[in-house]
Amino acid sequence: ELLLAAGEPVKAYDLIARFGGDGQPAKPPTVYRALEFLERK
């Protein structure tokens, strides 16, 4: 959703920072695992 909504390339650390709806960042492994899956698919 974050990648789609951006409509442009996004750095992983920006995704980590934007991940939580309450302003809380995600743990980096969570985002990197999701990115790896999305790439593979």
PDB file of all heavy atoms in Angstrom:
ATOM      1  N   GLU A   1       0.829  -1.204   0.000  1.00  0.00           N
ATOM      2  CA  GLU A   1       0.000   0.000   0.000  1.00  0.00           C
ATOM      3  C   GLU A   1       0.868   1.260   0.000  1.00  0.00           C
ATOM      4  O   GLU A   1       0.601   2.213  -0.751  1.00  0.00           O
ATOM      5  CB  GLU A   1      -0.913  -0.004   1.224  1.00  0.00           C
ATOM      6  CG  GLU A   1      -1.750   1.250   1.365  1.00  0.00           C
ATOM      7  CD  GLU A   1      -2.548   1.268   2.658  1.00  0.00           C
ATOM      8  OE1 GLU A   1      -2.161   0.594   3.644  1.00  0.00           O
ATOM      9  OE2 GLU A   1      -3.570   1.967   2.678  1.00  0.00           O
ATOM     10  N   LEU A   2       1.909   1.279   0.823  1.00  0.00           N
ATOM     11  CA  LEU A   2       2.798   2.445   0.878  1.00  0.00           C
ATOM     12  C   LEU A   2       3.510   2.666  -0.455  1.00  0.00           C
ATOM     13  O   LEU A   2       3.656   3.808  -0.913  1.00  0.00           O
ATOM     14  CB  LEU A   2       3.817   2.276   2.002  1.00  0.00           C
ATOM     15  CG  LEU A   2       3.262   2.352   3.425  1.00  0.00           C
ATOM     16  CD1 LEU A   2       4.327   1.935   4.432  1.00  0.00           C
ATOM     17  CD2 LEU A   2       2.741   3.746   3.723  1.00  0.00           C
ATOM     18  N   LEU A   3       3.949   1.573  -1.098  1.00  0.00           N
ATOM     19  CA  LEU A   3       4.606   1.703  -2.402  1.00  0.00           C
ATOM     20  C   LEU A   3       3.636   2.229  -3.457  1.00  0.00           C
ATOM     21  O   LEU A   3       3.977   3.125  -4.236  1.00  0.00           O
ATOM     22  CB  LEU A   3       5.163   0.350  -2.861  1.00  0.00           C
ATOM     23  CG  LEU A   3       6.398  -0.161  -2.148  1.00  0.00           C
ATOM     24  CD1 LEU A   3       6.729  -1.571  -2.616  1.00  0.00           C
ATOM     25  CD2 LEU A   3       7.581   0.766  -2.360  1.00  0.00           C
ATOM     26  N   LEU A   4       2.434   1.675  -3.479  1.00  0.00           N
ATOM     27  CA  LEU A   4       1.435   2.113  -4.448  1.00  0.00           C
ATOM     28  C   LEU A   4       1.067   3.580  -4.237  1.00  0.00           C
ATOM     29  O   LEU A   4       1.001   4.361  -5.191  1.00  0.00           O
ATOM     30  CB  LEU A   4       0.173   1.257  -4.347  1.00  0.00           C
ATOM     31  CG  LEU A   4       0.259  -0.165  -4.860  1.00  0.00           C
ATOM     32  CD1 LEU A   4      -0.942  -0.969  -4.374  1.00  0.00           C
ATOM     33  CD2 LEU A   4       0.342  -0.183  -6.381  1.00  0.00           C
ATOM     34  N   ALA A   5       0.811   3.948  -2.994  1.00  0.00           N
ATOM     35  CA  ALA A   5       0.373   5.309  -2.688  1.00  0.00           C
ATOM     36  C   ALA A   5       1.449   6.340  -2.996  1.00  0.00           C
ATOM     37  O   ALA A   5       1.133   7.474  -3.372  1.00  0.00           O
ATOM     38  CB  ALA A   5      -0.049   5.409  -1.225  1.00  0.00           C
ATOM     39  N   ALA A   6       2.712   5.950  -2.869  1.00  0.00           N
ATOM     40  CA  ALA A   6       3.802   6.893  -3.146  1.00  0.00           C
ATOM     41  C   ALA A   6       3.843   7.263  -4.622  1.00  0.00           C
ATOM     42  O   ALA A   6       4.107   8.415  -4.979  1.00  0.00           O
ATOM     43  CB  ALA A   6       5.141   6.298  -2.709  1.00  0.00           C
ATOM     44  N   GLY A   7       3.601   6.291  -5.481  1.00  0.00           N
ATOM     45  CA  GLY A   7       3.644   6.565  -6.915  1.00  0.00           C
ATOM     46  C   GLY A   7       5.025   6.897  -7.432  1.00  0.00           C
ATOM     47  O   GLY A   7       5.180   7.399  -8.541  1.00  0.00           O
ATOM     48  N   GLU A   8       6.045   6.633  -6.635  1.00  0.00           N
ATOM     49  CA  GLU A   8       7.434   6.894  -7.001  1.00  0.00           C
ATOM     50  C   GLU A   8       8.322   5.981  -6.175  1.00  0.00           C
ATOM     51  O   GLU A   8       7.847   5.382  -5.199  1.00  0.00           O
ATOM     52  CB  GLU A   8       7.795   8.358  -6.739  1.00  0.00           C
ATOM     53  CG  GLU A   8       7.725   8.756  -5.273  1.00  0.00           C
ATOM     54  CD  GLU A   8       8.002  10.226  -5.036  1.00  0.00           C
ATOM     55  OE1 GLU A   8       8.160  10.973  -6.016  1.00  0.00           O
ATOM     56  OE2 GLU A   8       8.063  10.622  -3.869  1.00  0.00           O
ATOM     57  N   PRO A   9       9.586   5.861  -6.512  1.00  0.00           N
ATOM     58  CA  PRO A   9      10.473   5.009  -5.723  1.00  0.00           C
ATOM     59  C   PRO A   9      10.572   5.512  -4.277  1.00  0.00           C
ATOM     60  O   PRO A   9      10.580   6.716  -4.021  1.00  0.00           O
ATOM     61  CB  PRO A   9      11.821   5.140  -6.433  1.00  0.00           C
ATOM     62  CG  PRO A   9      11.474   5.532  -7.828  1.00  0.00           C
ATOM     63  CD  PRO A   9      10.258   6.401  -7.696  1.00  0.00           C
ATOM     64  N   VAL A  10      10.619   4.551  -3.352  1.00  0.00           N
ATOM     65  CA  VAL A  10      10.682   4.873  -1.932  1.00  0.00           C
ATOM     66  C   VAL A  10      11.820   4.072  -1.307  1.00  0.00           C
ATOM     67  O   VAL A  10      11.957   2.874  -1.557  1.00  0.00           O
ATOM     68  CB  VAL A  10       9.354   4.506  -1.230  1.00  0.00           C
ATOM     69  CG1 VAL A  10       9.394   4.900   0.243  1.00  0.00           C
ATOM     70  CG2 VAL A  10       8.169   5.144  -1.918  1.00  0.00           C
ATOM     71  N   LYS A  11      12.612   4.720  -0.489  1.00  0.00           N
ATOM     72  CA  LYS A  11      13.690   4.029   0.208  1.00  0.00           C
ATOM     73  C   LYS A  11      13.104   3.190   1.345  1.00  0.00           C
ATOM     74  O   LYS A  11      12.086   3.540   1.935  1.00  0.00           O
ATOM     75  CB  LYS A  11      14.697   5.039   0.738  1.00  0.00           C
ATOM     76  CG  LYS A  11      15.347   5.816  -0.409  1.00  0.00           C
ATOM     77  CD  LYS A  11      16.627   6.461   0.011  1.00  0.00           C
ATOM     78  CE  LYS A  11      17.259   7.203  -1.145  1.00  0.00           C
ATOM     79  NZ  LYS A  11      17.920   6.391  -2.104  1.00  0.00           N
ATOM     80  N   ALA A  12      13.759   2.083   1.649  1.00  0.00           N
ATOM     81  CA  ALA A  12      13.262   1.165   2.673  1.00  0.00           C
ATOM     82  C   ALA A  12      13.090   1.865   4.016  1.00  0.00           C
ATOM     83  O   ALA A  12      12.101   1.633   4.723  1.00  0.00           O
ATOM     84  CB  ALA A  12      14.202  -0.030   2.813  1.00  0.00           C
ATOM     85  N   TYR A  13      14.013   2.734   4.376  1.00  0.00           N
ATOM     86  CA  TYR A  13      13.897   3.397   5.673  1.00  0.00           C
ATOM     87  C   TYR A  13      12.727   4.374   5.713  1.00  0.00           C
ATOM     88  O   TYR A  13      12.155   4.603   6.785  1.00  0.00           O
ATOM     89  CB  TYR A  13      15.224   4.043   6.084  1.00  0.00           C
ATOM     90  CG  TYR A  13      16.125   2.999   6.692  1.00  0.00           C
ATOM     91  CD1 TYR A  13      17.082   2.339   5.935  1.00  0.00           C
ATOM     92  CD2 TYR A  13      15.967   2.617   8.027  1.00  0.00           C
ATOM     93  CE1 TYR A  13      17.870   1.348   6.484  1.00  0.00           C
ATOM     94  CE2 TYR A  13      16.751   1.623   8.584  1.00  0.00           C
ATOM     95  CZ  TYR A  13      17.704   0.994   7.816  1.00  0.00           C
ATOM     96  OH  TYR A  13      18.477   0.003   8.359  1.00  0.00           O
ATOM     97  N   ASP A  14      12.335   4.913   4.572  1.00  0.00           N
ATOM     98  CA  ASP A  14      11.130   5.742   4.541  1.00  0.00           C
ATOM     99  C   ASP A  14       9.893   4.872   4.738  1.00  0.00           C
ATOM    100  O   ASP A  14       8.933   5.279   5.398  1.00  0.00           O
ATOM    101  CB  ASP A  14      11.034   6.513   3.224  1.00  0.00           C
ATOM    102  CG  ASP A  14      12.109   7.593   3.115  1.00  0.00           C
ATOM    103  OD1 ASP A  14      12.519   8.127   4.166  1.00  0.00           O
ATOM    104  OD2 ASP A  14      12.533   7.878   1.982  1.00  0.00           O
ATOM    105  N   LEU A  15       9.908   3.668   4.167  1.00  0.00           N
ATOM    106  CA  LEU A  15       8.801   2.731   4.380  1.00  0.00           C
ATOM    107  C   LEU A  15       8.716   2.329   5.854  1.00  0.00           C
ATOM    108  O   LEU A  15       7.625   2.255   6.427  1.00  0.00           O
ATOM    109  CB  LEU A  15       8.969   1.480   3.508  1.00  0.00           C
ATOM    110  CG  LEU A  15       8.841   1.689   2.008  1.00  0.00           C
ATOM    111  CD1 LEU A  15       9.285   0.434   1.268  1.00  0.00           C
ATOM    112  CD2 LEU A  15       7.424   2.066   1.638  1.00  0.00           C
ATOM    113  N   ILE A  16       9.863   2.098   6.464  1.00  0.00           N
ATOM    114  CA  ILE A  16       9.906   1.730   7.883  1.00  0.00           C
ATOM    115  C   ILE A  16       9.288   2.854   8.716  1.00  0.00           C
ATOM    116  O   ILE A  16       8.475   2.612   9.603  1.00  0.00           O
ATOM    117  CB  ILE A  16      11.357   1.430   8.320  1.00  0.00           C
ATOM    118  CG1 ILE A  16      11.835   0.130   7.656  1.00  0.00           C
ATOM    119  CG2 ILE A  16      11.480   1.358   9.841  1.00  0.00           C
ATOM    120  CD1 ILE A  16      13.334  -0.105   7.731  1.00  0.00           C
ATOM    121  N   ALA A  17       9.644   4.093   8.402  1.00  0.00           N
ATOM    122  CA  ALA A  17       9.139   5.242   9.156  1.00  0.00           C
ATOM    123  C   ALA A  17       7.640   5.454   8.970  1.00  0.00           C
ATOM    124  O   ALA A  17       6.941   5.860   9.897  1.00  0.00           O
ATOM    125  CB  ALA A  17       9.897   6.501   8.746  1.00  0.00           C
ATOM    126  N   ARG A  18       7.122   5.167   7.776  1.00  0.00           N
ATOM    127  CA  ARG A  18       5.703   5.398   7.470  1.00  0.00           C
ATOM    128  C   ARG A  18       4.802   4.216   7.815  1.00  0.00           C
ATOM    129  O   ARG A  18       3.587   4.328   7.744  1.00  0.00           O
ATOM    130  CB  ARG A  18       5.537   5.673   5.965  1.00  0.00           C
ATOM    131  CG  ARG A  18       6.206   6.920   5.490  1.00  0.00           C
ATOM    132  CD  ARG A  18       6.041   7.040   3.986  1.00  0.00           C
ATOM    133  NE  ARG A  18       6.946   8.032   3.439  1.00  0.00           N
ATOM    134  CZ  ARG A  18       7.264   8.124   2.163  1.00  0.00           C
ATOM    135  NH1 ARG A  18       6.749   7.281   1.285  1.00  0.00           N
ATOM    136  NH2 ARG A  18       8.096   9.049   1.752  1.00  0.00           N
ATOM    137  N   PHE A  19       5.399   3.103   8.167  1.00  0.00           N
ATOM    138  CA  PHE A  19       4.662   1.845   8.308  1.00  0.00           C
ATOM    139  C   PHE A  19       3.516   1.916   9.309  1.00  0.00           C
ATOM    140  O   PHE A  19       2.399   1.528   9.013  1.00  0.00           O
ATOM    141  CB  PHE A  19       5.636   0.726   8.698  1.00  0.00           C
ATOM    142  CG  PHE A  19       5.025  -0.636   8.701  1.00  0.00           C
ATOM    143  CD1 PHE A  19       4.992  -1.394   7.548  1.00  0.00           C
ATOM    144  CD2 PHE A  19       4.486  -1.178   9.864  1.00  0.00           C
ATOM    145  CE1 PHE A  19       4.441  -2.664   7.537  1.00  0.00           C
ATOM    146  CE2 PHE A  19       3.933  -2.448   9.873  1.00  0.00           C
ATOM    147  CZ  PHE A  19       3.914  -3.181   8.706  1.00  0.00           C
ATOM    148  N   GLY A  20       3.768   2.380  10.496  1.00  0.00           N
ATOM    149  CA  GLY A  20       2.751   2.397  11.546  1.00  0.00           C
ATOM    150  C   GLY A  20       1.750   3.520  11.344  1.00  0.00           C
ATOM    151  O   GLY A  20       2.120   4.656  11.103  1.00  0.00           O
ATOM    152  N   GLY A  21       0.475   3.199  11.450  1.00  0.00           N
ATOM    153  CA  GLY A  21      -0.562   4.207  11.300  1.00  0.00           C
ATOM    154  C   GLY A  21      -0.566   5.201  12.442  1.00  0.00           C
ATOM    155  O   GLY A  21      -1.035   6.316  12.309  1.00  0.00           O
ATOM    156  N   ASP A  22       0.004   4.819  13.584  1.00  0.00           N
ATOM    157  CA  ASP A  22       0.029   5.704  14.745  1.00  0.00           C
ATOM    158  C   ASP A  22       1.357   6.431  14.881  1.00  0.00           C
ATOM    159  O   ASP A  22       1.684   6.945  15.941  1.00  0.00           O
ATOM    160  CB  ASP A  22      -0.269   4.903  16.013  1.00  0.00           C
ATOM    161  CG  ASP A  22       0.708   3.750  16.213  1.00  0.00           C
ATOM    162  OD1 ASP A  22       1.611   3.570  15.374  1.00  0.00           O
ATOM    163  OD2 ASP A  22       0.561   3.024  17.214  1.00  0.00           O
ATOM    164  N   GLY A  23       2.124   6.458  13.801  1.00  0.00           N
ATOM    165  CA  GLY A  23       3.409   7.144  13.822  1.00  0.00           C
ATOM    166  C   GLY A  23       4.563   6.291  14.309  1.00  0.00           C
ATOM    167  O   GLY A  23       5.696   6.739  14.314  1.00  0.00           O
ATOM    168  N   GLN A  24       4.275   5.067  14.718  1.00  0.00           N
ATOM    169  CA  GLN A  24       5.326   4.169  15.187  1.00  0.00           C
ATOM    170  C   GLN A  24       5.979   3.486  13.988  1.00  0.00           C
ATOM    171  O   GLN A  24       5.282   2.912  13.160  1.00  0.00           O
ATOM    172  CB  GLN A  24       4.744   3.112  16.128  1.00  0.00           C
ATOM    173  CG  GLN A  24       4.275   3.667  17.452  1.00  0.00           C
ATOM    174  CD  GLN A  24       5.428   4.230  18.257  1.00  0.00           C
ATOM    175  OE1 GLN A  24       6.499   3.641  18.332  1.00  0.00           O
ATOM    176  NE2 GLN A  24       5.217   5.404  18.831  1.00  0.00           N
ATOM    177  N   PRO A  25       7.291   3.542  13.892  1.00  0.00           N
ATOM    178  CA  PRO A  25       7.954   2.858  12.776  1.00  0.00           C
ATOM    179  C   PRO A  25       7.891   1.342  12.958  1.00  0.00           C
ATOM    180  O   PRO A  25       7.713   0.840  14.061  1.00  0.00           O
ATOM    181  CB  PRO A  25       9.397   3.356  12.860  1.00  0.00           C
ATOM    182  CG  PRO A  25       9.582   3.772  14.272  1.00  0.00           C
ATOM    183  CD  PRO A  25       8.230   4.231  14.772  1.00  0.00           C
ATOM    184  N   ALA A  26       8.050   0.657  11.846  1.00  0.00           N
ATOM    185  CA  ALA A  26       8.103  -0.807  11.877  1.00  0.00           C
ATOM    186  C   ALA A  26       9.513  -1.242  12.219  1.00  0.00           C
ATOM    187  O   ALA A  26      10.467  -0.470  12.116  1.00  0.00           O
ATOM    188  CB  ALA A  26       7.720  -1.365  10.509  1.00  0.00           C
ATOM    189  N   LYS A  27       9.654  -2.492  12.580  1.00  0.00           N
ATOM    190  CA  LYS A  27      10.992  -3.048  12.757  1.00  0.00           C
ATOM    191  C   LYS A  27      11.533  -3.315  11.356  1.00  0.00           C
ATOM    192  O   LYS A  27      10.825  -3.845  10.497  1.00  0.00           O
ATOM    193  CB  LYS A  27      10.927  -4.319  13.588  1.00  0.00           C
ATOM    194  CG  LYS A  27      10.512  -4.023  15.009  1.00  0.00           C
ATOM    195  CD  LYS A  27      10.556  -5.242  15.856  1.00  0.00           C
ATOM    196  CE  LYS A  27      10.260  -4.783  17.285  1.00  0.00           C
ATOM    197  NZ  LYS A  27       9.777  -5.810  18.128  1.00  0.00           N
ATOM    198  N   PRO A  28      12.786  -2.960  11.090  1.00  0.00           N
ATOM    199  CA  PRO A  28      13.340  -3.136   9.740  1.00  0.00           C
ATOM    200  C   PRO A  28      13.138  -4.517   9.142  1.00  0.00           C
ATOM    201  O   PRO A  28      12.768  -4.618   7.970  1.00  0.00           O
ATOM    202  CB  PRO A  28      14.824  -2.785   9.918  1.00  0.00           C
ATOM    203  CG  PRO A  28      14.811  -1.780  11.024  1.00  0.00           C
ATOM    204  CD  PRO A  28      13.734  -2.265  11.977  1.00  0.00           C
ATOM    205  N   PRO A  29      13.348  -5.629   9.896  1.00  0.00           N
ATOM    206  CA  PRO A  29      13.154  -6.941   9.266  1.00  0.00           C
ATOM    207  C   PRO A  29      11.739  -7.148   8.722  1.00  0.00           C
ATOM    208  O   PRO A  29      11.553  -7.823   7.714  1.00  0.00           O
ATOM    209  CB  PRO A  29      13.470  -7.939  10.383  1.00  0.00           C
ATOM    210  CG  PRO A  29      14.356  -7.194  11.318  1.00  0.00           C
ATOM    211  CD  PRO A  29      13.882  -5.773  11.270  1.00  0.00           C
ATOM    212  N   THR A  30      10.751  -6.563   9.373  1.00  0.00           N
ATOM    213  CA  THR A  30       9.369  -6.693   8.917  1.00  0.00           C
ATOM    214  C   THR A  30       9.215  -6.120   7.519  1.00  0.00           C
ATOM    215  O   THR A  30       8.644  -6.757   6.623  1.00  0.00           O
ATOM    216  CB  THR A  30       8.412  -5.965   9.889  1.00  0.00           C
ATOM    217  OG1 THR A  30       8.553  -6.541  11.182  1.00  0.00           O
ATOM    218  CG2 THR A  30       6.972  -6.061   9.424  1.00  0.00           C
ATOM    219  N   VAL A  31       9.737  -4.931   7.314  1.00  0.00           N
ATOM    220  CA  VAL A  31       9.615  -4.266   6.019  1.00  0.00           C
ATOM    221  C   VAL A  31      10.483  -4.956   4.973  1.00  0.00           C
ATOM    222  O   VAL A  31      10.030  -5.184   3.849  1.00  0.00           O
ATOM    223  CB  VAL A  31       9.954  -2.763   6.142  1.00  0.00           C
ATOM    224  CG1 VAL A  31      10.032  -2.101   4.775  1.00  0.00           C
ATOM    225  CG2 VAL A  31       8.914  -2.069   7.017  1.00  0.00           C
ATOM    226  N   TYR A  32      11.712  -5.307   5.323  1.00  0.00           N
ATOM    227  CA  TYR A  32      12.584  -5.961   4.350  1.00  0.00           C
ATOM    228  C   TYR A  32      12.039  -7.322   3.915  1.00  0.00           C
ATOM    229  O   TYR A  32      12.139  -7.693   2.749  1.00  0.00           O
ATOM    230  CB  TYR A  32      14.015  -6.088   4.888  1.00  0.00           C
ATOM    231  CG  TYR A  32      14.785  -4.802   4.761  1.00  0.00           C
ATOM    232  CD1 TYR A  32      15.081  -4.026   5.872  1.00  0.00           C
ATOM    233  CD2 TYR A  32      15.201  -4.344   3.512  1.00  0.00           C
ATOM    234  CE1 TYR A  32      15.786  -2.842   5.752  1.00  0.00           C
ATOM    235  CE2 TYR A  32      15.906  -3.160   3.377  1.00  0.00           C
ATOM    236  CZ  TYR A  32      16.190  -2.413   4.505  1.00  0.00           C
ATOM    237  OH  TYR A  32      16.878  -1.231   4.371  1.00  0.00           O
ATOM    238  N   ARG A  33      11.448  -8.079   4.835  1.00  0.00           N
ATOM    239  CA  ARG A  33      10.841  -9.367   4.456  1.00  0.00           C
ATOM    240  C   ARG A  33       9.661  -9.148   3.520  1.00  0.00           C
ATOM    241  O   ARG A  33       9.473  -9.886   2.544  1.00  0.00           O
ATOM    242  CB  ARG A  33      10.411 -10.148   5.695  1.00  0.00           C
ATOM    243  CG  ARG A  33      11.541 -10.890   6.361  1.00  0.00           C
ATOM    244  CD  ARG A  33      11.032 -11.894   7.383  1.00  0.00           C
ATOM    245  NE  ARG A  33      10.441 -11.265   8.539  1.00  0.00           N
ATOM    246  CZ  ARG A  33      11.072 -10.997   9.675  1.00  0.00           C
ATOM    247  NH1 ARG A  33      12.331 -11.330   9.812  1.00  0.00           N
ATOM    248  NH2 ARG A  33      10.443 -10.414  10.679  1.00  0.00           N
ATOM    249  N   ALA A  34       8.861  -8.136   3.804  1.00  0.00           N
ATOM    250  CA  ALA A  34       7.713  -7.821   2.937  1.00  0.00           C
ATOM    251  C   ALA A  34       8.201  -7.391   1.554  1.00  0.00           C
ATOM    252  O   ALA A  34       7.646  -7.823   0.534  1.00  0.00           O
ATOM    253  CB  ALA A  34       6.848  -6.734   3.566  1.00  0.00           C
ATOM    254  N   LEU A  35       9.235  -6.581   1.497  1.00  0.00           N
ATOM    255  CA  LEU A  35       9.775  -6.137   0.205  1.00  0.00           C
ATOM    256  C   LEU A  35      10.311  -7.320  -0.592  1.00  0.00           C
ATOM    257  O   LEU A  35      10.080  -7.420  -1.807  1.00  0.00           O
ATOM    258  CB  LEU A  35      10.873  -5.091   0.408  1.00  0.00           C
ATOM    259  CG  LEU A  35      10.405  -3.720   0.840  1.00  0.00           C
ATOM    260  CD1 LEU A  35      11.588  -2.862   1.295  1.00  0.00           C
ATOM    261  CD2 LEU A  35       9.653  -3.023  -0.298  1.00  0.00           C
ATOM    262  N   GLU A  36      11.020  -8.229   0.075  1.00  0.00           N
ATOM    263  CA  GLU A  36      11.560  -9.403  -0.607  1.00  0.00           C
ATOM    264  C   GLU A  36      10.422 -10.234  -1.197  1.00  0.00           C
ATOM    265  O   GLU A  36      10.495 -10.689  -2.334  1.00  0.00           O
ATOM    266  CB  GLU A  36      12.400 -10.228   0.377  1.00  0.00           C
ATOM    267  CG  GLU A  36      13.105 -11.422  -0.255  1.00  0.00           C
ATOM    268  CD  GLU A  36      12.224 -12.665  -0.350  1.00  0.00           C
ATOM    269  OE1 GLU A  36      11.384 -12.880   0.544  1.00  0.00           O
ATOM    270  OE2 GLU A  36      12.364 -13.419  -1.330  1.00  0.00           O
ATOM    271  N   PHE A  37       9.361 -10.416  -0.440  1.00  0.00           N
ATOM    272  CA  PHE A  37       8.208 -11.171  -0.916  1.00  0.00           C
ATOM    273  C   PHE A  37       7.565 -10.468  -2.110  1.00  0.00           C
ATOM    274  O   PHE A  37       7.263 -11.102  -3.133  1.00  0.00           O
ATOM    275  CB  PHE A  37       7.181 -11.338   0.216  1.00  0.00           C
ATOM    276  CG  PHE A  37       5.909 -11.993  -0.233  1.00  0.00           C
ATOM    277  CD1 PHE A  37       5.813 -13.374  -0.327  1.00  0.00           C
ATOM    278  CD2 PHE A  37       4.799 -11.231  -0.587  1.00  0.00           C
ATOM    279  CE1 PHE A  37       4.638 -13.980  -0.746  1.00  0.00           C
ATOM    280  CE2 PHE A  37       3.623 -11.824  -1.014  1.00  0.00           C
ATOM    281  CZ  PHE A  37       3.543 -13.204  -1.095  1.00  0.00           C
ATOM    282  N   LEU A  38       7.333  -9.175  -1.996  1.00  0.00           N
ATOM    283  CA  LEU A  38       6.696  -8.422  -3.084  1.00  0.00           C
ATOM    284  C   LEU A  38       7.545  -8.455  -4.352  1.00  0.00           C
ATOM    285  O   LEU A  38       7.015  -8.576  -5.455  1.00  0.00           O
ATOM    286  CB  LEU A  38       6.431  -6.979  -2.646  1.00  0.00           C
ATOM    287  CG  LEU A  38       5.418  -6.815  -1.515  1.00  0.00           C
ATOM    288  CD1 LEU A  38       5.405  -5.372  -1.017  1.00  0.00           C
ATOM    289  CD2 LEU A  38       4.030  -7.250  -1.955  1.00  0.00           C
ATOM    290  N   GLU A  39       8.851  -8.373  -4.192  1.00  0.00           N
ATOM    291  CA  GLU A  39       9.756  -8.492  -5.353  1.00  0.00           C
ATOM    292  C   GLU A  39       9.651  -9.871  -5.987  1.00  0.00           C
ATOM    293  O   GLU A  39       9.536  -9.998  -7.205  1.00  0.00           O
ATOM    294  CB  GLU A  39      11.213  -8.286  -4.925  1.00  0.00           C
ATOM    295  CG  GLU A  39      11.695  -6.882  -4.960  1.00  0.00           C
ATOM    296  CD  GLU A  39      13.195  -6.859  -4.726  1.00  0.00           C
ATOM    297  OE1 GLU A  39      13.624  -7.032  -3.575  1.00  0.00           O
ATOM    298  OE2 GLU A  39      13.930  -6.675  -5.712  1.00  0.00           O
ATOM    299  N   ARG A  40       9.713 -10.905  -5.151  1.00  0.00           N
ATOM    300  CA  ARG A  40       9.659 -12.284  -5.652  1.00  0.00           C
ATOM    301  C   ARG A  40       8.356 -12.562  -6.389  1.00  0.00           C
ATOM    302  O   ARG A  40       8.327 -13.306  -7.364  1.00  0.00           O
ATOM    303  CB  ARG A  40       9.836 -13.252  -4.476  1.00  0.00           C
ATOM    304  CG  ARG A  40      10.006 -14.678  -4.857  1.00  0.00           C
ATOM    305  CD  ARG A  40      10.453 -15.589  -3.718  1.00  0.00           C
ATOM    306  NE  ARG A  40      10.083 -15.216  -2.382  1.00  0.00           N
ATOM    307  CZ  ARG A  40       8.940 -15.544  -1.777  1.00  0.00           C
ATOM    308  NH1 ARG A  40       8.059 -16.273  -2.422  1.00  0.00           N
ATOM    309  NH2 ARG A  40       8.685 -15.162  -0.546  1.00  0.00           N
ATOM    310  N   LYS A  41       7.284 -11.937  -5.956  1.00  0.00           N
ATOM    311  CA  LYS A  41       5.972 -12.151  -6.564  1.00  0.00           C
ATOM    312  C   LYS A  41       5.683 -11.166  -7.701  1.00  0.00           C
ATOM    313  O   LYS A  41       4.587 -11.151  -8.262  1.00  0.00           O
ATOM    314  CB  LYS A  41       4.873 -12.066  -5.500  1.00  0.00           C
ATOM    315  CG  LYS A  41       4.898 -13.241  -4.558  1.00  0.00           C
ATOM    316  CD  LYS A  41       4.730 -14.500  -5.373  1.00  0.00           C
ATOM    317  CE  LYS A  41       4.692 -15.768  -4.645  1.00  0.00           C
ATOM    318  NZ  LYS A  41       4.490 -16.886  -5.542  1.00  0.00           N
TER     319      LYS A  41
END
